């Protein structure tokens, strides 16, 4: 994985100092067994045949470069933004051709996966959520990374969301549950939230995600449709 990351950093034109700084941010994250599992394209294909881990790393690198290369992002906290990018898609189960059925259309992967990602990030990487304000920024950035695509509103009755890590959610501290509910209910329309992140770091990650997904990974109508339906036809 490390060699792949170095090659990807070269593709994004990271210099030596930038590489060292970026690695200092991500090493504790990529060392976790759950991230390693998601780097395997056979276990976790994300867009077509690109692995989930590869996509996450690409987002994190573009996030880093956006902040480094744009004066308008000078007020953003670089490390926090990269962490949001590293956590934004840590959903529970592979979604392409998974045959996972939901009772409600708005509970499909595209709408609910940010909630699953937040739950897993808090559970697997609790050290990043010890400070309440930092936790709010990270949680809000993950939840709204798909903007303008809506996210499902969380509630105290999380069974209605049909999330795949409900048991894990129930073990979270109440303060984290409240942060998730508050963030995902902002600008609510029926059962969906249509809102960008309140924080600059989250908005930058959302922009990076669009650049990576639409510019480099989703290269066919088939791939775009799969984001909603969960089904993709490989040639």
C-alpha atoms as a PDB file:
ATOM      1  CA  UNK A   1       0.000   0.000   0.000  1.00  0.00           C
ATOM      2  CA  UNK A   2       2.791   2.452   0.869  1.00  0.00           C
ATOM      3  CA  UNK A   3       4.366   2.157  -2.581  1.00  0.00           C
ATOM      4  CA  UNK A   4       0.965   2.801  -4.172  1.00  0.00           C
ATOM      5  CA  UNK A   5       0.476   5.881  -1.998  1.00  0.00           C
ATOM      6  CA  UNK A   6       3.909   7.246  -2.932  1.00  0.00           C
ATOM      7  CA  UNK A   7       3.121   6.783  -6.630  1.00  0.00           C
ATOM      8  CA  UNK A   8      -0.210   8.528  -6.165  1.00  0.00           C
ATOM      9  CA  UNK A   9       1.502  11.395  -4.335  1.00  0.00           C
ATOM     10  CA  UNK A  10       3.867  11.727  -7.279  1.00  0.00           C
ATOM     11  CA  UNK A  11       0.877  11.898  -9.620  1.00  0.00           C
ATOM     12  CA  UNK A  12      -0.463  14.807  -7.578  1.00  0.00           C
ATOM     13  CA  UNK A  13       2.976  16.466  -7.618  1.00  0.00           C
ATOM     14  CA  UNK A  14       3.724  16.389  -3.900  1.00  0.00           C
ATOM     15  CA  UNK A  15       7.241  17.530  -3.052  1.00  0.00           C
ATOM     16  CA  UNK A  16       9.361  15.860  -0.356  1.00  0.00           C
ATOM     17  CA  UNK A  17       8.174  18.060   2.508  1.00  0.00           C
ATOM     18  CA  UNK A  18       4.541  17.710   1.488  1.00  0.00           C
ATOM     19  CA  UNK A  19       4.872  13.934   1.341  1.00  0.00           C
ATOM     20  CA  UNK A  20       6.341  13.826   4.847  1.00  0.00           C
ATOM     21  CA  UNK A  21       3.604  16.045   6.236  1.00  0.00           C
ATOM     22  CA  UNK A  22       0.841  14.115   4.487  1.00  0.00           C
ATOM     23  CA  UNK A  23       2.157  10.787   5.764  1.00  0.00           C
ATOM     24  CA  UNK A  24       2.315  12.181   9.299  1.00  0.00           C
ATOM     25  CA  UNK A  25      -1.437  12.851   9.021  1.00  0.00           C
ATOM     26  CA  UNK A  26      -2.511   9.521   7.553  1.00  0.00           C
ATOM     27  CA  UNK A  27      -0.217   6.801   8.962  1.00  0.00           C
ATOM     28  CA  UNK A  28      -2.334   6.217  12.088  1.00  0.00           C
ATOM     29  CA  UNK A  29      -5.426   5.911   9.863  1.00  0.00           C
ATOM     30  CA  UNK A  30      -4.140   3.642   7.097  1.00  0.00           C
ATOM     31  CA  UNK A  31      -2.566   1.293   9.667  1.00  0.00           C
ATOM     32  CA  UNK A  32      -5.979   0.271  10.986  1.00  0.00           C
ATOM     33  CA  UNK A  33      -7.184  -3.158   9.837  1.00  0.00           C
ATOM     34  CA  UNK A  34     -10.523  -1.739   8.681  1.00  0.00           C
ATOM     35  CA  UNK A  35      -8.790   0.703   6.349  1.00  0.00           C
ATOM     36  CA  UNK A  36      -6.445  -1.994   5.048  1.00  0.00           C
ATOM     37  CA  UNK A  37      -9.481  -4.139   4.242  1.00  0.00           C
ATOM     38  CA  UNK A  38     -11.079  -1.260   2.327  1.00  0.00           C
ATOM     39  CA  UNK A  39      -7.959  -0.802   0.224  1.00  0.00           C
ATOM     40  CA  UNK A  40      -8.573  -4.195  -1.381  1.00  0.00           C
ATOM     41  CA  UNK A  41     -10.540  -3.620  -4.601  1.00  0.00           C
ATOM     42  CA  UNK A  42     -11.887  -7.173  -4.564  1.00  0.00           C
ATOM     43  CA  UNK A  43     -13.420  -6.686  -1.114  1.00  0.00           C
ATOM     44  CA  UNK A  44     -14.426  -3.032  -1.445  1.00  0.00           C
ATOM     45  CA  UNK A  45     -14.823  -1.816  -5.031  1.00  0.00           C
ATOM     46  CA  UNK A  46     -15.975   1.790  -4.930  1.00  0.00           C
ATOM     47  CA  UNK A  47     -16.280   3.437  -8.349  1.00  0.00           C
ATOM     48  CA  UNK A  48     -16.116   0.757 -11.009  1.00  0.00           C
ATOM     49  CA  UNK A  49     -12.990  -1.239 -10.061  1.00  0.00           C
ATOM     50  CA  UNK A  50     -11.265   1.454  -7.972  1.00  0.00           C
ATOM     51  CA  UNK A  51     -10.948   0.382  -4.355  1.00  0.00           C
ATOM     52  CA  UNK A  52     -12.585   2.364  -1.582  1.00  0.00           C
ATOM     53  CA  UNK A  53      -9.229   2.954   0.104  1.00  0.00           C
ATOM     54  CA  UNK A  54      -7.692   4.266  -3.108  1.00  0.00           C
ATOM     55  CA  UNK A  55     -10.614   6.670  -3.548  1.00  0.00           C
ATOM     56  CA  UNK A  56     -10.312   7.912   0.031  1.00  0.00           C
ATOM     57  CA  UNK A  57      -6.585   8.556  -0.347  1.00  0.00           C
ATOM     58  CA  UNK A  58      -7.149  10.409  -3.622  1.00  0.00           C
ATOM     59  CA  UNK A  59      -9.704  12.653  -1.916  1.00  0.00           C
ATOM     60  CA  UNK A  60      -7.313  13.323   0.944  1.00  0.00           C
ATOM     61  CA  UNK A  61      -4.501  14.272  -1.438  1.00  0.00           C
ATOM     62  CA  UNK A  62      -6.693  16.626  -3.453  1.00  0.00           C
ATOM     63  CA  UNK A  63      -7.948  18.157  -0.198  1.00  0.00           C
ATOM     64  CA  UNK A  64      -4.361  18.746   0.891  1.00  0.00           C
ATOM     65  CA  UNK A  65      -3.413  20.347  -2.411  1.00  0.00           C
ATOM     66  CA  UNK A  66      -6.521  22.554  -2.534  1.00  0.00           C
ATOM     67  CA  UNK A  67      -5.583  24.092   0.802  1.00  0.00           C
ATOM     68  CA  UNK A  68      -1.883  24.400   0.006  1.00  0.00           C
ATOM     69  CA  UNK A  69      -2.450  26.011  -3.387  1.00  0.00           C
ATOM     70  CA  UNK A  70      -5.336  28.402  -2.696  1.00  0.00           C
ATOM     71  CA  UNK A  71      -5.035  31.601  -0.678  1.00  0.00           C
ATOM     72  CA  UNK A  72      -8.798  31.593  -0.041  1.00  0.00           C
ATOM     73  CA  UNK A  73      -8.358  28.439   2.061  1.00  0.00           C
ATOM     74  CA  UNK A  74      -5.640  29.850   4.310  1.00  0.00           C
ATOM     75  CA  UNK A  75      -7.960  29.779   7.329  1.00  0.00           C
ATOM     76  CA  UNK A  76      -8.627  26.057   6.978  1.00  0.00           C
ATOM     77  CA  UNK A  77      -6.970  23.632   9.366  1.00  0.00           C
ATOM     78  CA  UNK A  78      -4.995  21.393   7.020  1.00  0.00           C
ATOM     79  CA  UNK A  79      -4.772  18.337   9.259  1.00  0.00           C
ATOM     80  CA  UNK A  80      -8.457  18.409  10.184  1.00  0.00           C
ATOM     81  CA  UNK A  81      -9.476  18.658   6.532  1.00  0.00           C
ATOM     82  CA  UNK A  82      -7.273  15.705   5.564  1.00  0.00           C
ATOM     83  CA  UNK A  83      -8.724  13.673   8.435  1.00  0.00           C
ATOM     84  CA  UNK A  84     -12.276  14.408   7.239  1.00  0.00           C
ATOM     85  CA  UNK A  85     -11.267  13.219   3.783  1.00  0.00           C
ATOM     86  CA  UNK A  86      -9.753  10.036   5.230  1.00  0.00           C
ATOM     87  CA  UNK A  87     -12.969   9.299   7.139  1.00  0.00           C
ATOM     88  CA  UNK A  88     -15.633  10.475   4.686  1.00  0.00           C
ATOM     89  CA  UNK A  89     -16.422   7.101   3.061  1.00  0.00           C
ATOM     90  CA  UNK A  90     -15.747   4.569   5.805  1.00  0.00           C
ATOM     91  CA  UNK A  91     -19.134   2.972   5.281  1.00  0.00           C
ATOM     92  CA  UNK A  92     -19.891  -0.517   6.521  1.00  0.00           C
ATOM     93  CA  UNK A  93     -20.481  -2.843   3.554  1.00  0.00           C
ATOM     94  CA  UNK A  94     -19.472  -2.861  -0.140  1.00  0.00           C
ATOM     95  CA  UNK A  95     -22.299  -1.293  -2.122  1.00  0.00           C
ATOM     96  CA  UNK A  96     -21.725  -2.199  -5.767  1.00  0.00           C
ATOM     97  CA  UNK A  97     -23.926  -5.154  -6.737  1.00  0.00           C
ATOM     98  CA  UNK A  98     -24.365  -5.962  -3.047  1.00  0.00           C
ATOM     99  CA  UNK A  99     -28.074  -6.867  -3.409  1.00  0.00           C
ATOM    100  CA  UNK A 100     -28.731  -5.116  -0.101  1.00  0.00           C
ATOM    101  CA  UNK A 101     -32.409  -4.234  -0.079  1.00  0.00           C
ATOM    102  CA  UNK A 102     -33.943  -1.284   1.738  1.00  0.00           C
ATOM    103  CA  UNK A 103     -37.562  -0.605   2.525  1.00  0.00           C
ATOM    104  CA  UNK A 104     -37.256   3.034   1.484  1.00  0.00           C
ATOM    105  CA  UNK A 105     -35.517   4.454  -1.594  1.00  0.00           C
ATOM    106  CA  UNK A 106     -33.967   7.229   0.513  1.00  0.00           C
ATOM    107  CA  UNK A 107     -32.229   4.603   2.617  1.00  0.00           C
ATOM    108  CA  UNK A 108     -30.102   3.434  -0.304  1.00  0.00           C
ATOM    109  CA  UNK A 109     -26.329   3.678  -0.058  1.00  0.00           C
ATOM    110  CA  UNK A 110     -25.961   7.121  -1.613  1.00  0.00           C
ATOM    111  CA  UNK A 111     -28.216   8.742   0.961  1.00  0.00           C
ATOM    112  CA  UNK A 112     -27.166   6.951   4.122  1.00  0.00           C
ATOM    113  CA  UNK A 113     -23.483   6.074   3.763  1.00  0.00           C
ATOM    114  CA  UNK A 114     -22.186   9.318   5.340  1.00  0.00           C
ATOM    115  CA  UNK A 115     -23.999   8.363   8.552  1.00  0.00           C
ATOM    116  CA  UNK A 116     -22.386   4.916   8.515  1.00  0.00           C
ATOM    117  CA  UNK A 117     -18.985   6.493   7.858  1.00  0.00           C
ATOM    118  CA  UNK A 118     -19.297   8.846  10.837  1.00  0.00           C
ATOM    119  CA  UNK A 119     -20.264   5.988  13.150  1.00  0.00           C
ATOM    120  CA  UNK A 120     -17.310   3.866  12.051  1.00  0.00           C
ATOM    121  CA  UNK A 121     -14.832   6.749  12.220  1.00  0.00           C
ATOM    122  CA  UNK A 122     -15.798   7.576  15.802  1.00  0.00           C
ATOM    123  CA  UNK A 123     -15.605   3.902  16.754  1.00  0.00           C
ATOM    124  CA  UNK A 124     -12.321   3.014  15.056  1.00  0.00           C
ATOM    125  CA  UNK A 125     -10.483   6.308  15.605  1.00  0.00           C
ATOM    126  CA  UNK A 126     -11.773   7.723  18.923  1.00  0.00           C
ATOM    127  CA  UNK A 127      -8.607   9.739  19.514  1.00  0.00           C
ATOM    128  CA  UNK A 128      -9.634  12.192  16.763  1.00  0.00           C
ATOM    129  CA  UNK A 129     -12.949  12.953  18.471  1.00  0.00           C
ATOM    130  CA  UNK A 130     -11.822  13.746  22.028  1.00  0.00           C
ATOM    131  CA  UNK A 131     -12.108  17.507  21.556  1.00  0.00           C
ATOM    132  CA  UNK A 132     -15.780  18.394  21.149  1.00  0.00           C
ATOM    133  CA  UNK A 133     -15.302  21.224  18.659  1.00  0.00           C
ATOM    134  CA  UNK A 134     -12.949  19.188  16.488  1.00  0.00           C
ATOM    135  CA  UNK A 135     -15.448  16.324  16.657  1.00  0.00           C
ATOM    136  CA  UNK A 136     -18.232  18.618  15.426  1.00  0.00           C
ATOM    137  CA  UNK A 137     -16.128  19.798  12.491  1.00  0.00           C
ATOM    138  CA  UNK A 138     -15.147  16.272  11.454  1.00  0.00           C
ATOM    139  CA  UNK A 139     -18.650  14.856  11.882  1.00  0.00           C
ATOM    140  CA  UNK A 140     -20.266  17.692   9.947  1.00  0.00           C
ATOM    141  CA  UNK A 141     -17.711  17.408   7.152  1.00  0.00           C
ATOM    142  CA  UNK A 142     -18.305  13.680   6.740  1.00  0.00           C
ATOM    143  CA  UNK A 143     -22.082  13.951   6.831  1.00  0.00           C
ATOM    144  CA  UNK A 144     -22.289  16.662   4.184  1.00  0.00           C
ATOM    145  CA  UNK A 145     -19.415  15.624   1.902  1.00  0.00           C
ATOM    146  CA  UNK A 146     -21.840  14.655  -0.876  1.00  0.00           C
ATOM    147  CA  UNK A 147     -23.433  18.118  -1.149  1.00  0.00           C
ATOM    148  CA  UNK A 148     -25.463  19.019  -3.204  1.00  0.00           C
ATOM    149  CA  UNK A 149     -26.539  15.360  -3.056  1.00  0.00           C
ATOM    150  CA  UNK A 150     -28.715  15.014   0.066  1.00  0.00           C
ATOM    151  CA  UNK A 151     -28.021  12.866   3.094  1.00  0.00           C
ATOM    152  CA  UNK A 152     -30.595  10.970   5.134  1.00  0.00           C
ATOM    153  CA  UNK A 153     -31.556  12.700   8.371  1.00  0.00           C
ATOM    154  CA  UNK A 154     -30.577  10.758  11.465  1.00  0.00           C
ATOM    155  CA  UNK A 155     -32.948  10.442  14.394  1.00  0.00           C
ATOM    156  CA  UNK A 156     -33.209   8.834  17.801  1.00  0.00           C
ATOM    157  CA  UNK A 157     -35.016   5.959  16.102  1.00  0.00           C
ATOM    158  CA  UNK A 158     -32.132   4.952  13.858  1.00  0.00           C
ATOM    159  CA  UNK A 159     -33.811   1.690  12.831  1.00  0.00           C
ATOM    160  CA  UNK A 160     -35.713   3.693  10.214  1.00  0.00           C
ATOM    161  CA  UNK A 161     -32.453   4.506   8.394  1.00  0.00           C
ATOM    162  CA  UNK A 162     -31.640   0.828   7.841  1.00  0.00           C
ATOM    163  CA  UNK A 163     -27.950   1.502   8.437  1.00  0.00           C
ATOM    164  CA  UNK A 164     -25.661  -1.526   8.408  1.00  0.00           C
ATOM    165  CA  UNK A 165     -23.838  -0.624  11.641  1.00  0.00           C
ATOM    166  CA  UNK A 166     -26.818   0.067  13.882  1.00  0.00           C
ATOM    167  CA  UNK A 167     -25.379  -1.999  16.747  1.00  0.00           C
ATOM    168  CA  UNK A 168     -22.226   0.101  16.655  1.00  0.00           C
ATOM    169  CA  UNK A 169     -24.255   3.332  16.636  1.00  0.00           C
ATOM    170  CA  UNK A 170     -26.096   2.258  19.789  1.00  0.00           C
ATOM    171  CA  UNK A 171     -22.761   2.011  21.609  1.00  0.00           C
ATOM    172  CA  UNK A 172     -21.731   5.616  20.865  1.00  0.00           C
ATOM    173  CA  UNK A 173     -21.700   8.193  23.627  1.00  0.00           C
ATOM    174  CA  UNK A 174     -24.841  10.349  23.678  1.00  0.00           C
ATOM    175  CA  UNK A 175     -22.867  13.482  22.759  1.00  0.00           C
ATOM    176  CA  UNK A 176     -21.780  11.916  19.456  1.00  0.00           C
ATOM    177  CA  UNK A 177     -25.306  10.726  18.689  1.00  0.00           C
ATOM    178  CA  UNK A 178     -26.552  14.271  19.254  1.00  0.00           C
ATOM    179  CA  UNK A 179     -23.858  15.719  16.980  1.00  0.00           C
ATOM    180  CA  UNK A 180     -24.844  13.299  14.215  1.00  0.00           C
ATOM    181  CA  UNK A 181     -28.555  14.072  14.600  1.00  0.00           C
ATOM    182  CA  UNK A 182     -28.047  17.840  14.763  1.00  0.00           C
ATOM    183  CA  UNK A 183     -25.754  17.950  11.720  1.00  0.00           C
ATOM    184  CA  UNK A 184     -27.821  15.624   9.526  1.00  0.00           C
ATOM    185  CA  UNK A 185     -31.072  17.497  10.225  1.00  0.00           C
ATOM    186  CA  UNK A 186     -29.827  20.914   9.099  1.00  0.00           C
ATOM    187  CA  UNK A 187     -31.830  22.297   6.156  1.00  0.00           C
ATOM    188  CA  UNK A 188     -34.163  19.331   6.374  1.00  0.00           C
ATOM    189  CA  UNK A 189     -36.664  18.613   3.585  1.00  0.00           C
ATOM    190  CA  UNK A 190     -38.890  15.674   4.537  1.00  0.00           C
ATOM    191  CA  UNK A 191     -36.431  12.914   5.505  1.00  0.00           C
ATOM    192  CA  UNK A 192     -33.374  14.397   3.771  1.00  0.00           C
ATOM    193  CA  UNK A 193     -30.860  17.104   4.600  1.00  0.00           C
ATOM    194  CA  UNK A 194     -29.759  19.346   1.762  1.00  0.00           C
ATOM    195  CA  UNK A 195     -26.940  21.340   3.301  1.00  0.00           C
ATOM    196  CA  UNK A 196     -23.282  22.028   2.775  1.00  0.00           C
ATOM    197  CA  UNK A 197     -20.920  21.697   5.715  1.00  0.00           C
ATOM    198  CA  UNK A 198     -20.958  24.546   8.234  1.00  0.00           C
ATOM    199  CA  UNK A 199     -17.170  24.457   8.321  1.00  0.00           C
ATOM    200  CA  UNK A 200     -14.579  25.397   5.726  1.00  0.00           C
ATOM    201  CA  UNK A 201     -12.685  22.130   6.130  1.00  0.00           C
ATOM    202  CA  UNK A 202     -15.775  20.099   5.286  1.00  0.00           C
ATOM    203  CA  UNK A 203     -16.625  22.247   2.273  1.00  0.00           C
ATOM    204  CA  UNK A 204     -13.110  21.748   0.907  1.00  0.00           C
ATOM    205  CA  UNK A 205     -13.411  17.972   1.266  1.00  0.00           C
ATOM    206  CA  UNK A 206     -16.739  18.105  -0.571  1.00  0.00           C
ATOM    207  CA  UNK A 207     -15.064  19.965  -3.425  1.00  0.00           C
ATOM    208  CA  UNK A 208     -12.181  17.493  -3.500  1.00  0.00           C
ATOM    209  CA  UNK A 209     -14.604  14.572  -3.596  1.00  0.00           C
ATOM    210  CA  UNK A 210     -16.311  16.015  -6.674  1.00  0.00           C
ATOM    211  CA  UNK A 211     -12.991  16.575  -8.421  1.00  0.00           C
ATOM    212  CA  UNK A 212     -11.864  13.011  -7.791  1.00  0.00           C
ATOM    213  CA  UNK A 213     -15.168  11.226  -8.408  1.00  0.00           C
ATOM    214  CA  UNK A 214     -16.419  13.177 -11.402  1.00  0.00           C
ATOM    215  CA  UNK A 215     -13.038  14.035 -12.879  1.00  0.00           C
ATOM    216  CA  UNK A 216     -11.097  10.809 -12.479  1.00  0.00           C
ATOM    217  CA  UNK A 217     -13.286   7.880 -11.440  1.00  0.00           C
ATOM    218  CA  UNK A 218     -16.871   8.091 -12.710  1.00  0.00           C
ATOM    219  CA  UNK A 219     -16.274   7.953 -16.436  1.00  0.00           C
ATOM    220  CA  UNK A 220     -19.534   6.460 -17.703  1.00  0.00           C
ATOM    221  CA  UNK A 221     -23.287   6.794 -17.319  1.00  0.00           C
ATOM    222  CA  UNK A 222     -23.244   3.248 -15.985  1.00  0.00           C
ATOM    223  CA  UNK A 223     -20.932   4.303 -13.155  1.00  0.00           C
ATOM    224  CA  UNK A 224     -23.035   7.335 -12.277  1.00  0.00           C
ATOM    225  CA  UNK A 225     -26.246   5.323 -12.210  1.00  0.00           C
ATOM    226  CA  UNK A 226     -24.611   2.802  -9.899  1.00  0.00           C
ATOM    227  CA  UNK A 227     -24.166   5.503  -7.258  1.00  0.00           C
ATOM    228  CA  UNK A 228     -27.955   5.616  -6.893  1.00  0.00           C
ATOM    229  CA  UNK A 229     -29.041   2.072  -7.767  1.00  0.00           C
ATOM    230  CA  UNK A 230     -26.088   0.163  -6.309  1.00  0.00           C
ATOM    231  CA  UNK A 231     -25.884  -1.939  -9.468  1.00  0.00           C
ATOM    232  CA  UNK A 232     -23.103  -1.760 -11.998  1.00  0.00           C
ATOM    233  CA  UNK A 233     -22.572  -3.805 -15.137  1.00  0.00           C
ATOM    234  CA  UNK A 234     -18.955  -4.635 -15.828  1.00  0.00           C
ATOM    235  CA  UNK A 235     -17.919  -5.094 -19.424  1.00  0.00           C
END
